[in-house]
Amino acid sequence: MTTANTTAYVPDLRRVGALVDERVRALQGGYLKDLSTAVATLAKLRRGAGKPIEAVPELVGLTLDHRFYEAFPVEDPRTEAAEAAAHEALTLYALHQQSKRERGMHKRGSGLGEAVRRLMPGGDIDEPLRKRFVQAGSAADHATRLDRLRGIVSLLRTQDIPLDYGLLADQLHDARTPAGSARVRRAWGRGFQAHRPERTDDTPPETEPGTPA
């Protein structure tokens, strides 16, 4: 007999996350149907995975369009941070979806903490992976955080574990300030701790060390 983990709560998306969710859904739907435009777009976007937006300016036209700038006017100084967060989430998604033709890797409600915990089957803690996760949450600067997230997304891809890229976009946007970074770190840690993997009756209860706090 197994007991499945259930997660009823799905966080609402803010403006950046809602726009990214819409964009990813369109790309994912096209990719799973093997539409040439979606396949080609994701192949180009993968080149930006883990890189800040200024490092790959040629991708801006692929990640953002007029709908984004209707929500975030060009002249608004806050738009720059929103642009960067959308770019980061979309390029990481492109990496995550690579060669996954049967299943979408974007799934609403699948937060980063839960997704990382699902990489540890049977209730056992993978200490090197846990440390990598902690380091992503506690990165001293955003570029380092982004690079560490790229490594985690690559691991999720190998195990077919999806992620909510709208939520990730909102969190990457929020994480650009010290207070926001702390909120995101706590959210990732809670997701990790709250998730309970499927286990059989003879699997002993797990003991978990600390996570991002």
N, C-alpha and C. Protein backbone atom coordinates (compact mmCIF):
# COMPACT_ATOMS: atom_id res chain seq x y z
N MET A 1 0.85 -1.20 0.00
CA MET A 1 0.00 0.00 0.00
C MET A 1 0.88 1.24 0.00
N THR A 2 0.53 2.23 -0.80
CA THR A 2 1.27 3.48 -0.82
C THR A 2 0.37 4.64 -0.44
N THR A 3 0.99 5.66 0.10
CA THR A 3 0.27 6.88 0.47
C THR A 3 0.80 8.01 -0.37
N ALA A 4 -0.04 8.60 -1.21
CA ALA A 4 0.40 9.63 -2.13
C ALA A 4 0.37 11.00 -1.46
N ASN A 5 1.35 11.80 -1.80
CA ASN A 5 1.38 13.18 -1.33
C ASN A 5 0.35 14.00 -2.11
N THR A 6 -0.40 14.83 -1.43
CA THR A 6 -1.37 15.71 -2.09
C THR A 6 -1.04 17.14 -1.73
N THR A 7 -1.16 18.01 -2.72
CA THR A 7 -0.91 19.42 -2.51
C THR A 7 -2.09 20.19 -3.05
N ALA A 8 -2.91 20.74 -2.16
CA ALA A 8 -4.14 21.41 -2.58
C ALA A 8 -3.89 22.86 -2.95
N TYR A 9 -2.90 23.48 -2.32
CA TYR A 9 -2.72 24.92 -2.49
C TYR A 9 -1.84 25.23 -3.69
N VAL A 10 -2.37 26.07 -4.58
CA VAL A 10 -1.60 26.55 -5.73
C VAL A 10 -1.54 28.07 -5.62
N PRO A 11 -0.36 28.65 -5.40
CA PRO A 11 -0.25 30.10 -5.22
C PRO A 11 -0.72 30.86 -6.45
N ASP A 12 -1.40 31.97 -6.19
CA ASP A 12 -1.78 32.85 -7.30
C ASP A 12 -0.53 33.46 -7.92
N LEU A 13 -0.60 33.72 -9.21
CA LEU A 13 0.51 34.35 -9.91
C LEU A 13 0.32 35.87 -9.93
N ARG A 14 1.45 36.58 -9.86
CA ARG A 14 1.42 38.02 -10.04
C ARG A 14 1.61 38.33 -11.53
N ARG A 15 1.82 39.58 -11.87
CA ARG A 15 1.81 39.97 -13.28
C ARG A 15 2.90 39.27 -14.09
N VAL A 16 4.12 39.26 -13.57
CA VAL A 16 5.20 38.59 -14.31
C VAL A 16 4.90 37.11 -14.48
N GLY A 17 4.52 36.47 -13.40
CA GLY A 17 4.25 35.04 -13.46
C GLY A 17 3.11 34.68 -14.39
N ALA A 18 2.05 35.49 -14.40
CA ALA A 18 0.91 35.21 -15.26
C ALA A 18 1.30 35.31 -16.73
N LEU A 19 2.11 36.31 -17.07
CA LEU A 19 2.57 36.46 -18.46
C LEU A 19 3.49 35.30 -18.87
N VAL A 20 4.37 34.90 -17.96
CA VAL A 20 5.25 33.77 -18.26
C VAL A 20 4.45 32.48 -18.39
N ASP A 21 3.49 32.28 -17.49
CA ASP A 21 2.63 31.09 -17.56
C ASP A 21 1.93 31.01 -18.92
N GLU A 22 1.40 32.14 -19.38
CA GLU A 22 0.72 32.17 -20.68
C GLU A 22 1.68 31.82 -21.82
N ARG A 23 2.86 32.40 -21.77
CA ARG A 23 3.86 32.17 -22.81
C ARG A 23 4.35 30.72 -22.81
N VAL A 24 4.62 30.19 -21.62
CA VAL A 24 5.11 28.81 -21.53
C VAL A 24 4.03 27.82 -21.99
N ARG A 25 2.79 28.06 -21.61
CA ARG A 25 1.72 27.16 -22.04
C ARG A 25 1.62 27.09 -23.56
N ALA A 26 1.75 28.24 -24.21
CA ALA A 26 1.69 28.26 -25.67
C ALA A 26 2.87 27.50 -26.27
N LEU A 27 4.07 27.74 -25.75
CA LEU A 27 5.25 27.04 -26.26
C LEU A 27 5.17 25.54 -25.98
N GLN A 28 4.73 25.20 -24.79
CA GLN A 28 4.65 23.79 -24.42
C GLN A 28 3.63 23.05 -25.28
N GLY A 29 2.48 23.68 -25.49
CA GLY A 29 1.47 23.05 -26.33
C GLY A 29 1.98 22.82 -27.74
N GLY A 30 2.68 23.82 -28.29
CA GLY A 30 3.23 23.67 -29.64
C GLY A 30 4.32 22.63 -29.70
N TYR A 31 5.16 22.59 -28.68
CA TYR A 31 6.26 21.64 -28.66
C TYR A 31 5.74 20.20 -28.59
N LEU A 32 4.74 19.97 -27.75
CA LEU A 32 4.21 18.62 -27.61
C LEU A 32 3.47 18.17 -28.87
N LYS A 33 3.03 19.13 -29.67
CA LYS A 33 2.42 18.81 -30.97
C LYS A 33 3.45 18.78 -32.09
N ASP A 34 4.70 19.00 -31.74
CA ASP A 34 5.82 18.99 -32.70
C ASP A 34 5.66 20.08 -33.76
N LEU A 35 5.15 21.24 -33.34
CA LEU A 35 5.05 22.36 -34.26
C LEU A 35 6.43 22.98 -34.45
N SER A 36 6.81 23.20 -35.67
CA SER A 36 8.18 23.63 -35.97
C SER A 36 8.53 24.97 -35.32
N THR A 37 7.58 25.88 -35.23
CA THR A 37 7.88 27.19 -34.63
C THR A 37 8.22 27.05 -33.15
N ALA A 38 7.45 26.25 -32.44
CA ALA A 38 7.70 26.06 -31.00
C ALA A 38 9.01 25.31 -30.78
N VAL A 39 9.28 24.29 -31.58
CA VAL A 39 10.52 23.53 -31.46
C VAL A 39 11.73 24.44 -31.68
N ALA A 40 11.66 25.27 -32.72
CA ALA A 40 12.77 26.16 -33.04
C ALA A 40 12.94 27.24 -31.97
N THR A 41 11.83 27.77 -31.46
CA THR A 41 11.92 28.81 -30.43
C THR A 41 12.56 28.28 -29.16
N LEU A 42 12.15 27.11 -28.74
CA LEU A 42 12.73 26.54 -27.51
C LEU A 42 14.21 26.20 -27.70
N ALA A 43 14.58 25.77 -28.89
CA ALA A 43 16.00 25.49 -29.16
C ALA A 43 16.84 26.76 -29.01
N LYS A 44 16.32 27.88 -29.48
CA LYS A 44 17.04 29.15 -29.34
C LYS A 44 17.06 29.61 -27.90
N LEU A 45 15.93 29.48 -27.21
CA LEU A 45 15.85 29.94 -25.82
C LEU A 45 16.79 29.17 -24.90
N ARG A 46 17.04 27.90 -25.21
CA ARG A 46 17.93 27.10 -24.36
C ARG A 46 19.32 27.71 -24.27
N ARG A 47 19.72 28.45 -25.28
CA ARG A 47 21.05 29.06 -25.25
C ARG A 47 21.18 30.10 -24.14
N GLY A 48 20.05 30.59 -23.65
CA GLY A 48 20.10 31.59 -22.60
C GLY A 48 19.90 31.05 -21.20
N ALA A 49 19.71 29.74 -21.06
CA ALA A 49 19.43 29.15 -19.74
C ALA A 49 20.58 29.38 -18.77
N GLY A 50 20.27 29.95 -17.64
CA GLY A 50 21.29 30.21 -16.64
C GLY A 50 22.09 31.47 -16.86
N LYS A 51 21.75 32.23 -17.91
CA LYS A 51 22.48 33.46 -18.23
C LYS A 51 21.59 34.68 -18.00
N PRO A 52 22.13 35.77 -17.50
CA PRO A 52 21.31 36.98 -17.36
C PRO A 52 20.91 37.52 -18.72
N ILE A 53 19.85 38.29 -18.75
CA ILE A 53 19.28 38.77 -20.00
C ILE A 53 20.28 39.59 -20.81
N GLU A 54 21.14 40.34 -20.14
CA GLU A 54 22.08 41.18 -20.86
C GLU A 54 23.16 40.37 -21.59
N ALA A 55 23.33 39.10 -21.20
CA ALA A 55 24.33 38.25 -21.85
C ALA A 55 23.85 37.68 -23.17
N VAL A 56 22.54 37.68 -23.39
CA VAL A 56 21.97 37.12 -24.63
C VAL A 56 20.89 38.06 -25.17
N PRO A 57 21.25 39.27 -25.54
CA PRO A 57 20.24 40.25 -25.97
C PRO A 57 19.48 39.81 -27.21
N GLU A 58 20.05 38.90 -27.99
CA GLU A 58 19.37 38.45 -29.20
C GLU A 58 18.11 37.63 -28.90
N LEU A 59 17.92 37.23 -27.65
CA LEU A 59 16.75 36.41 -27.30
C LEU A 59 15.56 37.23 -26.81
N VAL A 60 15.74 38.52 -26.62
CA VAL A 60 14.66 39.33 -26.05
C VAL A 60 13.38 39.22 -26.88
N GLY A 61 13.49 39.24 -28.19
CA GLY A 61 12.32 39.15 -29.03
C GLY A 61 11.60 37.81 -28.95
N LEU A 62 12.28 36.79 -28.43
CA LEU A 62 11.67 35.48 -28.29
C LEU A 62 11.00 35.29 -26.93
N THR A 63 11.49 35.97 -25.92
CA THR A 63 10.93 35.80 -24.59
C THR A 63 9.80 36.77 -24.30
N LEU A 64 9.84 37.96 -24.88
CA LEU A 64 8.87 39.00 -24.56
C LEU A 64 8.20 39.51 -25.83
N ASP A 65 6.96 39.99 -25.70
CA ASP A 65 6.27 40.58 -26.84
C ASP A 65 5.42 41.75 -26.37
N HIS A 66 4.55 42.26 -27.25
CA HIS A 66 3.78 43.46 -26.95
C HIS A 66 2.90 43.31 -25.72
N ARG A 67 2.42 42.08 -25.46
CA ARG A 67 1.56 41.87 -24.29
C ARG A 67 2.31 42.13 -22.99
N PHE A 68 3.59 41.78 -23.00
CA PHE A 68 4.40 42.05 -21.81
C PHE A 68 4.50 43.55 -21.57
N TYR A 69 4.73 44.31 -22.62
CA TYR A 69 4.94 45.75 -22.46
C TYR A 69 3.63 46.51 -22.29
N GLU A 70 2.50 45.86 -22.50
CA GLU A 70 1.22 46.45 -22.12
C GLU A 70 1.07 46.40 -20.60
N ALA A 71 1.62 45.37 -20.00
CA ALA A 71 1.57 45.24 -18.53
C ALA A 71 2.72 45.99 -17.87
N PHE A 72 3.87 46.06 -18.56
CA PHE A 72 5.06 46.73 -18.03
C PHE A 72 5.54 47.75 -19.05
N PRO A 73 5.08 49.00 -18.93
CA PRO A 73 5.45 50.04 -19.91
C PRO A 73 6.96 50.21 -20.02
N VAL A 74 7.42 50.48 -21.23
CA VAL A 74 8.85 50.62 -21.49
C VAL A 74 9.48 51.69 -20.62
N GLU A 75 8.75 52.78 -20.39
CA GLU A 75 9.33 53.91 -19.66
C GLU A 75 9.35 53.71 -18.14
N ASP A 76 8.71 52.67 -17.66
CA ASP A 76 8.67 52.40 -16.21
C ASP A 76 10.01 51.80 -15.78
N PRO A 77 10.71 52.41 -14.82
CA PRO A 77 12.01 51.87 -14.40
C PRO A 77 11.92 50.47 -13.80
N ARG A 78 10.74 50.08 -13.35
CA ARG A 78 10.57 48.75 -12.76
C ARG A 78 10.49 47.65 -13.81
N THR A 79 10.34 48.04 -15.07
CA THR A 79 10.18 47.06 -16.14
C THR A 79 11.43 46.21 -16.33
N GLU A 80 12.59 46.80 -16.11
CA GLU A 80 13.85 46.08 -16.33
C GLU A 80 13.93 44.79 -15.51
N ALA A 81 13.54 44.88 -14.23
CA ALA A 81 13.58 43.69 -13.38
C ALA A 81 12.56 42.65 -13.83
N ALA A 82 11.40 43.11 -14.28
CA ALA A 82 10.37 42.18 -14.77
C ALA A 82 10.83 41.48 -16.04
N GLU A 83 11.46 42.22 -16.95
CA GLU A 83 12.01 41.65 -18.17
C GLU A 83 13.00 40.53 -17.84
N ALA A 84 13.90 40.83 -16.93
CA ALA A 84 14.94 39.87 -16.59
C ALA A 84 14.35 38.59 -16.00
N ALA A 85 13.38 38.74 -15.09
CA ALA A 85 12.78 37.57 -14.46
C ALA A 85 12.04 36.70 -15.47
N ALA A 86 11.32 37.34 -16.39
CA ALA A 86 10.61 36.58 -17.43
C ALA A 86 11.60 35.83 -18.32
N HIS A 87 12.66 36.52 -18.72
CA HIS A 87 13.70 35.89 -19.54
C HIS A 87 14.30 34.67 -18.82
N GLU A 88 14.63 34.83 -17.56
CA GLU A 88 15.27 33.75 -16.80
C GLU A 88 14.37 32.53 -16.70
N ALA A 89 13.09 32.75 -16.38
CA ALA A 89 12.17 31.63 -16.23
C ALA A 89 11.93 30.93 -17.57
N LEU A 90 11.76 31.69 -18.63
CA LEU A 90 11.47 31.10 -19.93
C LEU A 90 12.66 30.31 -20.48
N THR A 91 13.86 30.80 -20.28
CA THR A 91 15.03 30.08 -20.79
C THR A 91 15.30 28.82 -19.97
N LEU A 92 15.04 28.88 -18.67
CA LEU A 92 15.18 27.66 -17.85
C LEU A 92 14.13 26.63 -18.25
N TYR A 93 12.93 27.11 -18.54
CA TYR A 93 11.89 26.17 -19.02
C TYR A 93 12.34 25.50 -20.32
N ALA A 94 12.90 26.27 -21.22
CA ALA A 94 13.34 25.71 -22.50
C ALA A 94 14.35 24.59 -22.28
N LEU A 95 15.24 24.76 -21.33
CA LEU A 95 16.20 23.71 -20.98
C LEU A 95 15.47 22.49 -20.41
N HIS A 96 14.52 22.74 -19.54
CA HIS A 96 13.79 21.67 -18.85
C HIS A 96 12.99 20.82 -19.85
N GLN A 97 12.41 21.46 -20.85
CA GLN A 97 11.54 20.76 -21.79
C GLN A 97 12.31 20.03 -22.90
N GLN A 98 13.59 20.26 -23.02
CA GLN A 98 14.38 19.70 -24.11
C GLN A 98 14.20 18.19 -24.24
N SER A 99 13.80 17.75 -25.43
CA SER A 99 13.63 16.33 -25.78
C SER A 99 12.49 15.64 -25.02
N LYS A 100 11.68 16.38 -24.29
CA LYS A 100 10.54 15.79 -23.58
C LYS A 100 9.30 15.97 -24.44
N ARG A 101 9.06 15.01 -25.33
CA ARG A 101 7.99 15.14 -26.32
C ARG A 101 6.67 14.53 -25.85
N GLU A 102 6.67 13.84 -24.73
CA GLU A 102 5.45 13.18 -24.26
C GLU A 102 4.79 13.91 -23.10
N ARG A 103 5.52 14.79 -22.43
CA ARG A 103 5.00 15.40 -21.21
C ARG A 103 5.54 16.80 -21.04
N GLY A 104 4.66 17.72 -20.65
CA GLY A 104 5.09 19.09 -20.40
C GLY A 104 5.80 19.22 -19.07
N MET A 105 6.88 19.98 -19.04
CA MET A 105 7.66 20.17 -17.83
C MET A 105 7.23 21.43 -17.06
N HIS A 106 6.24 22.13 -17.56
CA HIS A 106 5.64 23.25 -16.81
C HIS A 106 4.34 22.75 -16.21
N LYS A 107 4.21 22.88 -14.90
CA LYS A 107 3.00 22.43 -14.21
C LYS A 107 2.68 23.38 -13.08
N ARG A 108 1.51 23.99 -13.13
CA ARG A 108 1.11 24.91 -12.07
C ARG A 108 1.07 24.21 -10.72
N GLY A 109 1.61 24.90 -9.72
CA GLY A 109 1.60 24.39 -8.35
C GLY A 109 2.80 23.58 -7.95
N SER A 110 3.67 23.25 -8.90
CA SER A 110 4.86 22.47 -8.58
C SER A 110 6.01 23.43 -8.28
N GLY A 111 6.16 23.79 -7.01
CA GLY A 111 7.19 24.73 -6.60
C GLY A 111 8.57 24.10 -6.56
N LEU A 112 9.58 24.95 -6.48
CA LEU A 112 10.96 24.45 -6.54
C LEU A 112 11.29 23.53 -5.37
N GLY A 113 10.87 23.88 -4.16
CA GLY A 113 11.19 23.05 -3.01
C GLY A 113 10.60 21.66 -3.13
N GLU A 114 9.33 21.58 -3.53
CA GLU A 114 8.69 20.29 -3.73
C GLU A 114 9.38 19.49 -4.83
N ALA A 115 9.71 20.18 -5.93
CA ALA A 115 10.34 19.49 -7.06
C ALA A 115 11.69 18.89 -6.66
N VAL A 116 12.49 19.66 -5.91
CA VAL A 116 13.78 19.14 -5.46
C VAL A 116 13.59 17.96 -4.53
N ARG A 117 12.59 18.04 -3.64
CA ARG A 117 12.34 16.93 -2.71
C ARG A 117 11.95 15.67 -3.48
N ARG A 118 11.28 15.83 -4.59
CA ARG A 118 10.88 14.67 -5.40
C ARG A 118 12.08 14.00 -6.08
N LEU A 119 13.21 14.69 -6.13
CA LEU A 119 14.43 14.07 -6.64
C LEU A 119 15.02 13.07 -5.65
N MET A 120 14.46 13.04 -4.44
CA MET A 120 14.97 12.18 -3.38
C MET A 120 13.93 11.11 -3.06
N PRO A 121 13.85 10.04 -3.84
CA PRO A 121 12.80 9.04 -3.64
C PRO A 121 12.96 8.25 -2.36
N GLY A 122 11.85 7.73 -1.88
CA GLY A 122 11.88 6.84 -0.72
C GLY A 122 12.06 7.53 0.61
N GLY A 123 12.06 8.84 0.64
CA GLY A 123 12.17 9.55 1.90
C GLY A 123 13.58 9.82 2.36
N ASP A 124 14.58 9.31 1.64
CA ASP A 124 15.97 9.53 2.03
C ASP A 124 16.45 10.90 1.55
N ILE A 125 17.22 11.58 2.38
CA ILE A 125 17.79 12.87 2.02
C ILE A 125 19.09 12.68 1.27
N ASP A 126 19.17 13.26 0.09
CA ASP A 126 20.41 13.29 -0.70
C ASP A 126 21.16 14.55 -0.26
N GLU A 127 22.18 14.38 0.56
CA GLU A 127 22.84 15.53 1.17
C GLU A 127 23.52 16.44 0.15
N PRO A 128 24.26 15.93 -0.85
CA PRO A 128 24.83 16.83 -1.85
C PRO A 128 23.77 17.64 -2.59
N LEU A 129 22.65 17.01 -2.91
CA LEU A 129 21.57 17.73 -3.58
C LEU A 129 20.94 18.76 -2.65
N ARG A 130 20.75 18.38 -1.39
CA ARG A 130 20.18 19.32 -0.43
C ARG A 130 21.07 20.55 -0.30
N LYS A 131 22.39 20.34 -0.27
CA LYS A 131 23.32 21.46 -0.17
C LYS A 131 23.25 22.35 -1.41
N ARG A 132 23.11 21.73 -2.58
CA ARG A 132 22.99 22.51 -3.81
C ARG A 132 21.72 23.37 -3.78
N PHE A 133 20.66 22.80 -3.27
CA PHE A 133 19.39 23.52 -3.13
C PHE A 133 19.53 24.69 -2.16
N VAL A 134 20.16 24.43 -1.03
CA VAL A 134 20.39 25.50 -0.04
C VAL A 134 21.24 26.61 -0.65
N GLN A 135 22.25 26.24 -1.40
CA GLN A 135 23.14 27.23 -2.01
C GLN A 135 22.39 28.10 -3.03
N ALA A 136 21.44 27.51 -3.74
CA ALA A 136 20.64 28.31 -4.68
C ALA A 136 19.82 29.35 -3.93
N GLY A 137 19.25 28.95 -2.81
CA GLY A 137 18.44 29.88 -2.04
C GLY A 137 19.25 30.95 -1.33
N SER A 138 20.48 30.63 -0.96
CA SER A 138 21.29 31.55 -0.17
C SER A 138 22.38 32.23 -0.99
N ALA A 139 22.29 32.17 -2.32
CA ALA A 139 23.30 32.77 -3.18
C ALA A 139 23.50 34.24 -2.86
N ALA A 140 24.75 34.67 -2.87
CA ALA A 140 25.07 36.06 -2.50
C ALA A 140 24.61 37.06 -3.56
N ASP A 141 24.46 36.62 -4.80
CA ASP A 141 24.02 37.52 -5.85
C ASP A 141 23.12 36.76 -6.81
N HIS A 142 22.37 37.51 -7.60
CA HIS A 142 21.36 36.89 -8.46
C HIS A 142 21.99 36.05 -9.57
N ALA A 143 23.10 36.46 -10.12
CA ALA A 143 23.74 35.69 -11.18
C ALA A 143 24.15 34.31 -10.67
N THR A 144 24.65 34.24 -9.45
CA THR A 144 25.03 32.96 -8.86
C THR A 144 23.80 32.10 -8.64
N ARG A 145 22.73 32.71 -8.13
CA ARG A 145 21.48 31.97 -7.94
C ARG A 145 21.00 31.37 -9.26
N LEU A 146 21.05 32.16 -10.30
CA LEU A 146 20.58 31.71 -11.60
C LEU A 146 21.41 30.53 -12.12
N ASP A 147 22.71 30.61 -11.95
CA ASP A 147 23.59 29.52 -12.38
C ASP A 147 23.29 28.24 -11.62
N ARG A 148 23.04 28.35 -10.32
CA ARG A 148 22.73 27.17 -9.52
C ARG A 148 21.37 26.59 -9.88
N LEU A 149 20.43 27.46 -10.21
CA LEU A 149 19.11 26.98 -10.63
C LEU A 149 19.22 26.19 -11.94
N ARG A 150 20.11 26.63 -12.81
CA ARG A 150 20.28 25.89 -14.06
C ARG A 150 20.70 24.45 -13.78
N GLY A 151 21.59 24.25 -12.84
CA GLY A 151 22.01 22.90 -12.49
C GLY A 151 20.87 22.08 -11.91
N ILE A 152 20.04 22.70 -11.09
CA ILE A 152 18.90 21.99 -10.49
C ILE A 152 17.88 21.63 -11.57
N VAL A 153 17.60 22.56 -12.47
CA VAL A 153 16.65 22.29 -13.55
C VAL A 153 17.15 21.13 -14.41
N SER A 154 18.44 21.05 -14.65
CA SER A 154 18.98 19.93 -15.42
C SER A 154 18.71 18.60 -14.73
N LEU A 155 18.82 18.58 -13.40
CA LEU A 155 18.51 17.36 -12.65
C LEU A 155 17.03 17.02 -12.73
N LEU A 156 16.17 18.03 -12.61
CA LEU A 156 14.72 17.80 -12.71
C LEU A 156 14.38 17.23 -14.08
N ARG A 157 15.05 17.72 -15.09
CA ARG A 157 14.80 17.24 -16.45
C ARG A 157 15.12 15.75 -16.58
N THR A 158 16.22 15.31 -15.98
CA THR A 158 16.60 13.90 -16.11
C THR A 158 15.59 12.97 -15.46
N GLN A 159 14.85 13.48 -14.47
CA GLN A 159 13.88 12.66 -13.74
C GLN A 159 12.43 12.95 -14.13
N ASP A 160 12.22 13.79 -15.15
CA ASP A 160 10.86 14.12 -15.62
C ASP A 160 10.01 14.75 -14.52
N ILE A 161 10.62 15.58 -13.70
CA ILE A 161 9.90 16.24 -12.62
C ILE A 161 9.57 17.67 -13.07
N PRO A 162 8.29 18.03 -13.14
CA PRO A 162 7.91 19.35 -13.66
C PRO A 162 8.09 20.46 -12.63
N LEU A 163 7.97 21.69 -13.11
CA LEU A 163 8.13 22.88 -12.28
C LEU A 163 7.14 23.93 -12.74
N ASP A 164 6.68 24.74 -11.81
CA ASP A 164 5.77 25.84 -12.13
C ASP A 164 6.61 27.05 -12.53
N TYR A 165 6.69 27.31 -13.82
CA TYR A 165 7.56 28.40 -14.29
C TYR A 165 6.94 29.78 -14.16
N GLY A 166 5.63 29.84 -14.03
CA GLY A 166 5.02 31.12 -13.70
C GLY A 166 5.38 31.53 -12.29
N LEU A 167 5.26 30.59 -11.36
CA LEU A 167 5.64 30.85 -9.98
C LEU A 167 7.12 31.16 -9.87
N LEU A 168 7.96 30.41 -10.58
CA LEU A 168 9.40 30.67 -10.54
C LEU A 168 9.71 32.07 -11.05
N ALA A 169 9.03 32.51 -12.10
CA ALA A 169 9.24 33.86 -12.62
C ALA A 169 8.92 34.91 -11.57
N ASP A 170 7.79 34.75 -10.87
CA ASP A 170 7.45 35.68 -9.80
C ASP A 170 8.51 35.68 -8.71
N GLN A 171 9.02 34.51 -8.37
CA GLN A 171 10.03 34.41 -7.32
C GLN A 171 11.36 35.01 -7.76
N LEU A 172 11.74 34.80 -9.01
CA LEU A 172 12.97 35.41 -9.50
C LEU A 172 12.84 36.93 -9.56
N HIS A 173 11.65 37.41 -9.82
CA HIS A 173 11.41 38.86 -9.79
C HIS A 173 11.52 39.38 -8.36
N ASP A 174 10.89 38.68 -7.43
CA ASP A 174 10.90 39.10 -6.03
C ASP A 174 12.31 39.03 -5.43
N ALA A 175 13.11 38.07 -5.89
CA ALA A 175 14.42 37.81 -5.28
C ALA A 175 15.46 38.86 -5.61
N ARG A 176 15.08 39.90 -6.32
CA ARG A 176 16.05 40.93 -6.69
C ARG A 176 16.29 41.95 -5.59
N THR A 177 15.58 41.84 -4.49
CA THR A 177 15.82 42.69 -3.33
C THR A 177 16.17 41.79 -2.14
N PRO A 178 16.89 42.30 -1.15
CA PRO A 178 17.22 41.46 0.01
C PRO A 178 15.99 40.90 0.71
N ALA A 179 14.96 41.73 0.90
CA ALA A 179 13.75 41.25 1.57
C ALA A 179 13.04 40.20 0.71
N GLY A 180 12.99 40.45 -0.60
CA GLY A 180 12.36 39.49 -1.49
C GLY A 180 13.13 38.19 -1.55
N SER A 181 14.44 38.27 -1.56
CA SER A 181 15.27 37.06 -1.57
C SER A 181 15.00 36.21 -0.34
N ALA A 182 14.82 36.85 0.80
CA ALA A 182 14.51 36.11 2.03
C ALA A 182 13.14 35.44 1.93
N ARG A 183 12.16 36.13 1.34
CA ARG A 183 10.83 35.53 1.18
C ARG A 183 10.89 34.31 0.27
N VAL A 184 11.62 34.43 -0.81
CA VAL A 184 11.73 33.32 -1.75
C VAL A 184 12.45 32.14 -1.10
N ARG A 185 13.50 32.42 -0.38
CA ARG A 185 14.24 31.36 0.30
C ARG A 185 13.34 30.61 1.28
N ARG A 186 12.52 31.35 2.01
CA ARG A 186 11.60 30.70 2.96
C ARG A 186 10.56 29.87 2.22
N ALA A 187 10.05 30.40 1.11
CA ALA A 187 9.05 29.65 0.34
C ALA A 187 9.64 28.35 -0.21
N TRP A 188 10.85 28.41 -0.73
CA TRP A 188 11.49 27.19 -1.24
C TRP A 188 11.72 26.19 -0.11
N GLY A 189 12.15 26.68 1.04
CA GLY A 189 12.38 25.78 2.18
C GLY A 189 11.10 25.14 2.67
N ARG A 190 10.02 25.91 2.74
CA ARG A 190 8.74 25.34 3.17
C ARG A 190 8.26 24.27 2.20
N GLY A 191 8.41 24.54 0.90
CA GLY A 191 7.99 23.55 -0.09
C GLY A 191 8.76 22.24 0.05
N PHE A 192 10.04 22.36 0.32
CA PHE A 192 10.88 21.18 0.50
C PHE A 192 10.44 20.39 1.73
N GLN A 193 10.23 21.08 2.84
CA GLN A 193 9.89 20.41 4.09
C GLN A 193 8.48 19.84 4.09
N ALA A 194 7.55 20.51 3.40
CA ALA A 194 6.16 20.10 3.45
C ALA A 194 5.87 18.89 2.57
N HIS A 195 6.66 18.70 1.53
CA HIS A 195 6.39 17.59 0.61
C HIS A 195 6.69 16.25 1.28
N ARG A 196 5.77 15.32 1.10
CA ARG A 196 5.97 13.97 1.61
C ARG A 196 5.92 13.00 0.45
N PRO A 197 7.02 12.33 0.17
CA PRO A 197 7.05 11.41 -0.98
C PRO A 197 6.19 10.19 -0.74
N GLU A 198 5.83 9.51 -1.83
CA GLU A 198 5.13 8.25 -1.71
C GLU A 198 6.05 7.24 -1.03
N ARG A 199 5.48 6.46 -0.14
CA ARG A 199 6.28 5.43 0.52
C ARG A 199 5.41 4.25 0.86
N THR A 200 6.04 3.08 0.99
CA THR A 200 5.32 1.89 1.38
C THR A 200 5.25 1.83 2.89
N ASP A 201 4.38 0.96 3.42
CA ASP A 201 4.18 0.87 4.86
C ASP A 201 5.45 0.46 5.60
N ASP A 202 6.37 -0.23 4.91
CA ASP A 202 7.58 -0.68 5.59
C ASP A 202 8.73 0.32 5.47
N THR A 203 8.46 1.50 4.87
CA THR A 203 9.48 2.53 4.80
C THR A 203 9.50 3.28 6.12
N PRO A 204 10.65 3.36 6.80
CA PRO A 204 10.69 4.04 8.09
C PRO A 204 10.45 5.53 7.92
N PRO A 205 9.90 6.19 8.96
CA PRO A 205 9.71 7.64 8.89
C PRO A 205 11.04 8.33 8.66
N GLU A 206 11.00 9.44 7.92
CA GLU A 206 12.22 10.14 7.56
C GLU A 206 12.59 11.20 8.60
N THR A 207 13.85 11.48 8.65
CA THR A 207 14.35 12.56 9.48
C THR A 207 15.05 13.55 8.58
N GLU A 208 14.61 14.80 8.60
CA GLU A 208 15.12 15.76 7.65
C GLU A 208 16.01 16.81 8.31
N PRO A 209 17.19 17.03 7.78
CA PRO A 209 18.01 18.14 8.26
C PRO A 209 17.47 19.45 7.74
N GLY A 210 18.09 20.55 8.14
CA GLY A 210 17.60 21.87 7.78
C GLY A 210 17.67 22.14 6.30
N THR A 211 16.81 23.08 5.85
CA THR A 211 16.75 23.54 4.48
C THR A 211 16.75 25.05 4.49
N PRO A 212 16.68 25.71 3.32
CA PRO A 212 16.73 27.17 3.32
C PRO A 212 15.73 27.80 4.26
N ALA A 213 16.16 28.73 5.08
CA ALA A 213 15.27 29.36 6.06
C ALA A 213 15.52 30.84 6.08
